[in-house]
């Protein structure tokens, strides 16, 4: 399952930050862009971990007694 809403929101923030002038007050533009890049990468890694766990659970339930593989 892919959460396009979160990806869209992160990308929207990234684009908004990219339009700030370099050296803008608050979090510096470059720092904010780096943080959003890290957030995007971590989010993608988390999705892969979630998918891997779902696959492990599916494999485990399929090989458990009474599961689909035991009927063979």
PDB file of N, CA and C in Angstrom:
ATOM      1  N   UNK A   1       0.850  -1.172   0.000  1.00  0.00           N
ATOM      2  CA  UNK A   1       0.000   0.000   0.000  1.00  0.00           C
ATOM      3  C   UNK A   1       0.896   1.235   0.000  1.00  0.00           C
ATOM      4  N   UNK A   2       0.628   2.154  -0.849  1.00  0.00           N
ATOM      5  CA  UNK A   2       1.443   3.344  -1.009  1.00  0.00           C
ATOM      6  C   UNK A   2       0.627   4.548  -0.586  1.00  0.00           C
ATOM      7  N   UNK A   3       1.216   5.384   0.267  1.00  0.00           N
ATOM      8  CA  UNK A   3       0.506   6.548   0.767  1.00  0.00           C
ATOM      9  C   UNK A   3       0.902   7.774  -0.045  1.00  0.00           C
ATOM     10  N   UNK A   4       0.171   8.008  -1.138  1.00  0.00           N
ATOM     11  CA  UNK A   4       0.481   9.136  -2.005  1.00  0.00           C
ATOM     12  C   UNK A   4       0.218  10.468  -1.314  1.00  0.00           C
ATOM     13  N   UNK A   5      -0.690  10.508  -0.347  1.00  0.00           N
ATOM     14  CA  UNK A   5      -0.988  11.740   0.371  1.00  0.00           C
ATOM     15  C   UNK A   5       0.227  12.274   1.100  1.00  0.00           C
ATOM     16  N   UNK A   6       0.933  11.397   1.785  1.00  0.00           N
ATOM     17  CA  UNK A   6       2.141  11.825   2.510  1.00  0.00           C
ATOM     18  C   UNK A   6       3.226  12.261   1.543  1.00  0.00           C
ATOM     19  N   UNK A   7       3.414  11.494   0.477  1.00  0.00           N
ATOM     20  CA  UNK A   7       4.424  11.856  -0.515  1.00  0.00           C
ATOM     21  C   UNK A   7       4.118  13.215  -1.123  1.00  0.00           C
ATOM     22  N   UNK A   8       2.869  13.443  -1.428  1.00  0.00           N
ATOM     23  CA  UNK A   8       2.470  14.723  -2.021  1.00  0.00           C
ATOM     24  C   UNK A   8       2.740  15.867  -1.047  1.00  0.00           C
ATOM     25  N   UNK A   9       2.399  15.651   0.211  1.00  0.00           N
ATOM     26  CA  UNK A   9       2.594  16.694   1.214  1.00  0.00           C
ATOM     27  C   UNK A   9       4.077  17.011   1.395  1.00  0.00           C
ATOM     28  N   UNK A  10       4.908  15.992   1.468  1.00  0.00           N
ATOM     29  CA  UNK A  10       6.352  16.209   1.594  1.00  0.00           C
ATOM     30  C   UNK A  10       6.881  16.947   0.377  1.00  0.00           C
ATOM     31  N   UNK A  11       6.456  16.532  -0.798  1.00  0.00           N
ATOM     32  CA  UNK A  11       6.915  17.191  -2.022  1.00  0.00           C
ATOM     33  C   UNK A  11       6.430  18.636  -2.078  1.00  0.00           C
ATOM     34  N   UNK A  12       5.240  18.897  -1.621  1.00  0.00           N
ATOM     35  CA  UNK A  12       4.705  20.265  -1.612  1.00  0.00           C
ATOM     36  C   UNK A  12       5.558  21.141  -0.687  1.00  0.00           C
ATOM     37  N   UNK A  13       5.907  20.613   0.495  1.00  0.00           N
ATOM     38  CA  UNK A  13       6.778  21.366   1.402  1.00  0.00           C
ATOM     39  C   UNK A  13       8.149  21.599   0.768  1.00  0.00           C
ATOM     40  N   UNK A  14       8.666  20.575   0.119  1.00  0.00           N
ATOM     41  CA  UNK A  14       9.977  20.706  -0.505  1.00  0.00           C
ATOM     42  C   UNK A  14       9.962  21.803  -1.558  1.00  0.00           C
ATOM     43  N   UNK A  15       8.938  21.829  -2.386  1.00  0.00           N
ATOM     44  CA  UNK A  15       8.846  22.854  -3.429  1.00  0.00           C
ATOM     45  C   UNK A  15       8.669  24.242  -2.841  1.00  0.00           C
ATOM     46  N   UNK A  16       7.893  24.328  -1.761  1.00  0.00           N
ATOM     47  CA  UNK A  16       7.722  25.627  -1.102  1.00  0.00           C
ATOM     48  C   UNK A  16       9.050  26.134  -0.559  1.00  0.00           C
ATOM     49  N   UNK A  17       9.801  25.241   0.065  1.00  0.00           N
ATOM     50  CA  UNK A  17      11.110  25.629   0.588  1.00  0.00           C
ATOM     51  C   UNK A  17      12.074  26.004  -0.527  1.00  0.00           C
ATOM     52  N   UNK A  18      11.984  25.302  -1.636  1.00  0.00           N
ATOM     53  CA  UNK A  18      12.887  25.583  -2.750  1.00  0.00           C
ATOM     54  C   UNK A  18      12.672  26.994  -3.296  1.00  0.00           C
ATOM     55  N   UNK A  19      11.473  27.545  -3.123  1.00  0.00           N
ATOM     56  CA  UNK A  19      11.186  28.885  -3.624  1.00  0.00           C
ATOM     57  C   UNK A  19      11.666  29.983  -2.676  1.00  0.00           C
ATOM     58  N   UNK A  20      12.050  29.634  -1.441  1.00  0.00           N
ATOM     59  CA  UNK A  20      12.566  30.631  -0.518  1.00  0.00           C
ATOM     60  C   UNK A  20      13.896  31.158  -1.032  1.00  0.00           C
ATOM     61  N   UNK A  21      14.160  32.422  -0.777  1.00  0.00           N
ATOM     62  CA  UNK A  21      15.480  32.933  -1.167  1.00  0.00           C
ATOM     63  C   UNK A  21      16.565  32.270  -0.321  1.00  0.00           C
ATOM     64  N   UNK A  22      17.714  32.063  -0.912  1.00  0.00           N
ATOM     65  CA  UNK A  22      18.824  31.475  -0.167  1.00  0.00           C
ATOM     66  C   UNK A  22      19.116  32.337   1.050  1.00  0.00           C
ATOM     67  N   UNK A  23      19.356  31.700   2.192  1.00  0.00           N
ATOM     68  CA  UNK A  23      19.648  32.418   3.424  1.00  0.00           C
ATOM     69  C   UNK A  23      18.413  32.969   4.120  1.00  0.00           C
ATOM     70  N   UNK A  24      17.217  32.496   3.768  1.00  0.00           N
ATOM     71  CA  UNK A  24      15.980  32.961   4.407  1.00  0.00           C
ATOM     72  C   UNK A  24      16.021  32.652   5.898  1.00  0.00           C
ATOM     73  N   UNK A  25      15.338  33.498   6.693  1.00  0.00           N
ATOM     74  CA  UNK A  25      15.291  33.312   8.145  1.00  0.00           C
ATOM     75  C   UNK A  25      14.613  31.995   8.510  1.00  0.00           C
ATOM     76  N   UNK A  26      14.657  31.699   9.807  1.00  0.00           N
ATOM     77  CA  UNK A  26      14.155  30.443  10.381  1.00  0.00           C
ATOM     78  C   UNK A  26      15.160  29.363  10.003  1.00  0.00           C
ATOM     79  N   UNK A  27      14.684  28.208   9.662  1.00  0.00           N
ATOM     80  CA  UNK A  27      15.575  27.145   9.215  1.00  0.00           C
ATOM     81  C   UNK A  27      16.111  27.559   7.850  1.00  0.00           C
ATOM     82  N   UNK A  28      17.382  27.535   7.696  1.00  0.00           N
ATOM     83  CA  UNK A  28      17.950  27.942   6.414  1.00  0.00           C
ATOM     84  C   UNK A  28      17.432  27.034   5.301  1.00  0.00           C
ATOM     85  N   UNK A  29      17.255  27.618   4.163  1.00  0.00           N
ATOM     86  CA  UNK A  29      16.718  26.901   3.005  1.00  0.00           C
ATOM     87  C   UNK A  29      17.477  25.600   2.768  1.00  0.00           C
ATOM     88  N   UNK A  30      18.780  25.660   2.792  1.00  0.00           N
ATOM     89  CA  UNK A  30      19.596  24.484   2.498  1.00  0.00           C
ATOM     90  C   UNK A  30      19.404  23.404   3.557  1.00  0.00           C
ATOM     91  N   UNK A  31      19.294  23.820   4.822  1.00  0.00           N
ATOM     92  CA  UNK A  31      19.067  22.854   5.892  1.00  0.00           C
ATOM     93  C   UNK A  31      17.695  22.213   5.762  1.00  0.00           C
ATOM     94  N   UNK A  32      16.699  23.018   5.461  1.00  0.00           N
ATOM     95  CA  UNK A  32      15.343  22.491   5.306  1.00  0.00           C
ATOM     96  C   UNK A  32      15.265  21.525   4.128  1.00  0.00           C
ATOM     97  N   UNK A  33      15.919  21.876   3.025  1.00  0.00           N
ATOM     98  CA  UNK A  33      15.920  20.991   1.855  1.00  0.00           C
ATOM     99  C   UNK A  33      16.607  19.663   2.197  1.00  0.00           C
ATOM    100  N   UNK A  34      17.703  19.724   2.932  1.00  0.00           N
ATOM    101  CA  UNK A  34      18.400  18.497   3.322  1.00  0.00           C
ATOM    102  C   UNK A  34      17.520  17.648   4.237  1.00  0.00           C
ATOM    103  N   UNK A  35      16.840  18.289   5.186  1.00  0.00           N
ATOM    104  CA  UNK A  35      15.955  17.539   6.082  1.00  0.00           C
ATOM    105  C   UNK A  35      14.810  16.883   5.324  1.00  0.00           C
ATOM    106  N   UNK A  36      14.222  17.596   4.383  1.00  0.00           N
ATOM    107  CA  UNK A  36      13.141  16.996   3.605  1.00  0.00           C
ATOM    108  C   UNK A  36      13.647  15.852   2.733  1.00  0.00           C
ATOM    109  N   UNK A  37      14.848  15.968   2.219  1.00  0.00           N
ATOM    110  CA  UNK A  37      15.430  14.869   1.459  1.00  0.00           C
ATOM    111  C   UNK A  37      15.617  13.637   2.336  1.00  0.00           C
ATOM    112  N   UNK A  38      16.109  13.860   3.554  1.00  0.00           N
ATOM    113  CA  UNK A  38      16.268  12.744   4.495  1.00  0.00           C
ATOM    114  C   UNK A  38      14.911  12.147   4.855  1.00  0.00           C
ATOM    115  N   UNK A  39      13.916  13.013   5.068  1.00  0.00           N
ATOM    116  CA  UNK A  39      12.570  12.532   5.383  1.00  0.00           C
ATOM    117  C   UNK A  39      12.022  11.664   4.252  1.00  0.00           C
ATOM    118  N   UNK A  40      12.211  12.113   3.024  1.00  0.00           N
ATOM    119  CA  UNK A  40      11.765  11.334   1.863  1.00  0.00           C
ATOM    120  C   UNK A  40      12.453   9.973   1.829  1.00  0.00           C
ATOM    121  N   UNK A  41      13.767   9.952   2.058  1.00  0.00           N
ATOM    122  CA  UNK A  41      14.516   8.692   2.029  1.00  0.00           C
ATOM    123  C   UNK A  41      14.080   7.751   3.143  1.00  0.00           C
ATOM    124  N   UNK A  42      13.916   8.294   4.349  1.00  0.00           N
ATOM    125  CA  UNK A  42      13.500   7.467   5.488  1.00  0.00           C
ATOM    126  C   UNK A  42      12.088   6.934   5.276  1.00  0.00           C
ATOM    127  N   UNK A  43      11.219   7.757   4.719  1.00  0.00           N
ATOM    128  CA  UNK A  43       9.853   7.319   4.437  1.00  0.00           C
ATOM    129  C   UNK A  43       9.855   6.164   3.439  1.00  0.00           C
ATOM    130  N   UNK A  44      10.674   6.264   2.417  1.00  0.00           N
ATOM    131  CA  UNK A  44      10.771   5.185   1.420  1.00  0.00           C
ATOM    132  C   UNK A  44      11.320   3.910   2.066  1.00  0.00           C
ATOM    133  N   UNK A  45      12.325   4.053   2.920  1.00  0.00           N
ATOM    134  CA  UNK A  45      12.878   2.876   3.605  1.00  0.00           C
ATOM    135  C   UNK A  45      11.849   2.246   4.526  1.00  0.00           C
ATOM    136  N   UNK A  46      11.094   3.077   5.224  1.00  0.00           N
ATOM    137  CA  UNK A  46      10.053   2.564   6.112  1.00  0.00           C
ATOM    138  C   UNK A  46       9.002   1.800   5.322  1.00  0.00           C
ATOM    139  N   UNK A  47       8.622   2.316   4.160  1.00  0.00           N
ATOM    140  CA  UNK A  47       7.656   1.601   3.310  1.00  0.00           C
ATOM    141  C   UNK A  47       8.190   0.234   2.908  1.00  0.00           C
ATOM    142  N   UNK A  48       9.491   0.167   2.573  1.00  0.00           N
ATOM    143  CA  UNK A  48      10.084  -1.125   2.192  1.00  0.00           C
ATOM    144  C   UNK A  48      10.081  -2.087   3.374  1.00  0.00           C
ATOM    145  N   UNK A  49      10.377  -1.593   4.563  1.00  0.00           N
ATOM    146  CA  UNK A  49      10.361  -2.437   5.761  1.00  0.00           C
ATOM    147  C   UNK A  49       8.935  -2.938   6.015  1.00  0.00           C
ATOM    148  N   UNK A  50       7.960  -2.050   5.908  1.00  0.00           N
ATOM    149  CA  UNK A  50       6.567  -2.459   6.113  1.00  0.00           C
ATOM    150  C   UNK A  50       6.159  -3.535   5.115  1.00  0.00           C
ATOM    151  N   UNK A  51       6.540  -3.352   3.864  1.00  0.00           N
ATOM    152  CA  UNK A  51       6.195  -4.339   2.840  1.00  0.00           C
ATOM    153  C   UNK A  51       6.891  -5.674   3.124  1.00  0.00           C
ATOM    154  N   UNK A  52       8.150  -5.611   3.552  1.00  0.00           N
ATOM    155  CA  UNK A  52       8.876  -6.834   3.899  1.00  0.00           C
ATOM    156  C   UNK A  52       8.221  -7.566   5.057  1.00  0.00           C
ATOM    157  N   UNK A  53       7.786  -6.815   6.063  1.00  0.00           N
ATOM    158  CA  UNK A  53       7.100  -7.442   7.197  1.00  0.00           C
ATOM    159  C   UNK A  53       5.775  -8.058   6.769  1.00  0.00           C
ATOM    160  N   UNK A  54       5.040  -7.359   5.906  1.00  0.00           N
ATOM    161  CA  UNK A  54       3.775  -7.931   5.402  1.00  0.00           C
ATOM    162  C   UNK A  54       4.040  -9.238   4.659  1.00  0.00           C
ATOM    163  N   UNK A  55       5.108  -9.245   3.859  1.00  0.00           N
ATOM    164  CA  UNK A  55       5.451 -10.452   3.098  1.00  0.00           C
ATOM    165  C   UNK A  55       5.844 -11.588   4.027  1.00  0.00           C
ATOM    166  N   UNK A  56       6.630 -11.269   5.071  1.00  0.00           N
ATOM    167  CA  UNK A  56       7.005 -12.294   6.041  1.00  0.00           C
ATOM    168  C   UNK A  56       5.772 -12.873   6.737  1.00  0.00           C
ATOM    169  N   UNK A  57       4.852 -12.006   7.115  1.00  0.00           N
ATOM    170  CA  UNK A  57       3.621 -12.486   7.755  1.00  0.00           C
ATOM    171  C   UNK A  57       2.810 -13.362   6.811  1.00  0.00           C
ATOM    172  N   UNK A  58       2.735 -12.949   5.553  1.00  0.00           N
ATOM    173  CA  UNK A  58       1.997 -13.742   4.567  1.00  0.00           C
ATOM    174  C   UNK A  58       2.664 -15.101   4.368  1.00  0.00           C
ATOM    175  N   UNK A  59       3.992 -15.110   4.270  1.00  0.00           N
ATOM    176  CA  UNK A  59       4.721 -16.374   4.115  1.00  0.00           C
ATOM    177  C   UNK A  59       4.541 -17.266   5.335  1.00  0.00           C
ATOM    178  N   UNK A  60       4.599 -16.648   6.517  1.00  0.00           N
ATOM    179  CA  UNK A  60       4.439 -17.402   7.762  1.00  0.00           C
ATOM    180  C   UNK A  60       3.050 -18.021   7.849  1.00  0.00           C
ATOM    181  N   UNK A  61       2.029 -17.242   7.538  1.00  0.00           N
ATOM    182  CA  UNK A  61       0.667 -17.774   7.636  1.00  0.00           C
ATOM    183  C   UNK A  61       0.407 -18.828   6.563  1.00  0.00           C
ATOM    184  N   UNK A  62       1.057 -18.673   5.413  1.00  0.00           N
ATOM    185  CA  UNK A  62       0.874 -19.656   4.343  1.00  0.00           C
ATOM    186  C   UNK A  62       1.548 -20.984   4.684  1.00  0.00           C
ATOM    187  N   UNK A  63       2.635 -20.950   5.466  1.00  0.00           N
ATOM    188  CA  UNK A  63       3.342 -22.189   5.790  1.00  0.00           C
ATOM    189  C   UNK A  63       2.917 -22.776   7.138  1.00  0.00           C
ATOM    190  N   UNK A  64       2.051 -22.079   7.857  1.00  0.00           N
ATOM    191  CA  UNK A  64       1.582 -22.571   9.157  1.00  0.00           C
ATOM    192  C   UNK A  64       0.642 -23.767   8.959  1.00  0.00           C
ATOM    193  N   UNK A  65       0.566 -24.653   9.945  1.00  0.00           N
ATOM    194  CA  UNK A  65      -0.372 -25.783   9.839  1.00  0.00           C
ATOM    195  C   UNK A  65      -1.783 -25.256   9.579  1.00  0.00           C
ATOM    196  N   UNK A  66      -2.424 -25.855   8.623  1.00  0.00           N
ATOM    197  CA  UNK A  66      -3.766 -25.414   8.256  1.00  0.00           C
ATOM    198  C   UNK A  66      -3.754 -24.304   7.227  1.00  0.00           C
ATOM    199  N   UNK A  67      -2.548 -23.817   6.876  1.00  0.00           N
ATOM    200  CA  UNK A  67      -2.420 -22.752   5.871  1.00  0.00           C
ATOM    201  C   UNK A  67      -2.547 -23.342   4.481  1.00  0.00           C
ATOM    202  N   UNK A  68      -2.538 -22.519   3.453  1.00  0.00           N
ATOM    203  CA  UNK A  68      -2.704 -22.982   2.069  1.00  0.00           C
ATOM    204  C   UNK A  68      -1.681 -24.013   1.634  1.00  0.00           C
ATOM    205  N   UNK A  69      -0.436 -23.912   2.096  1.00  0.00           N
ATOM    206  CA  UNK A  69       0.595 -24.870   1.658  1.00  0.00           C
ATOM    207  C   UNK A  69       0.422 -26.247   2.272  1.00  0.00           C
ATOM    208  N   UNK A  70      -0.217 -26.328   3.437  1.00  0.00           N
ATOM    209  CA  UNK A  70      -0.359 -27.631   4.086  1.00  0.00           C
ATOM    210  C   UNK A  70      -1.398 -28.503   3.386  1.00  0.00           C
ATOM    211  N   UNK A  71      -2.219 -27.928   2.532  1.00  0.00           N
ATOM    212  CA  UNK A  71      -3.252 -28.677   1.825  1.00  0.00           C
ATOM    213  C   UNK A  71      -2.683 -29.477   0.671  1.00  0.00           C
ATOM    214  N   UNK A  72      -1.408 -29.223   0.291  1.00  0.00           N
ATOM    215  CA  UNK A  72      -0.795 -29.909  -0.853  1.00  0.00           C
ATOM    216  C   UNK A  72      -0.527 -31.359  -0.567  1.00  0.00           C
TER     217      UNK A  72
END
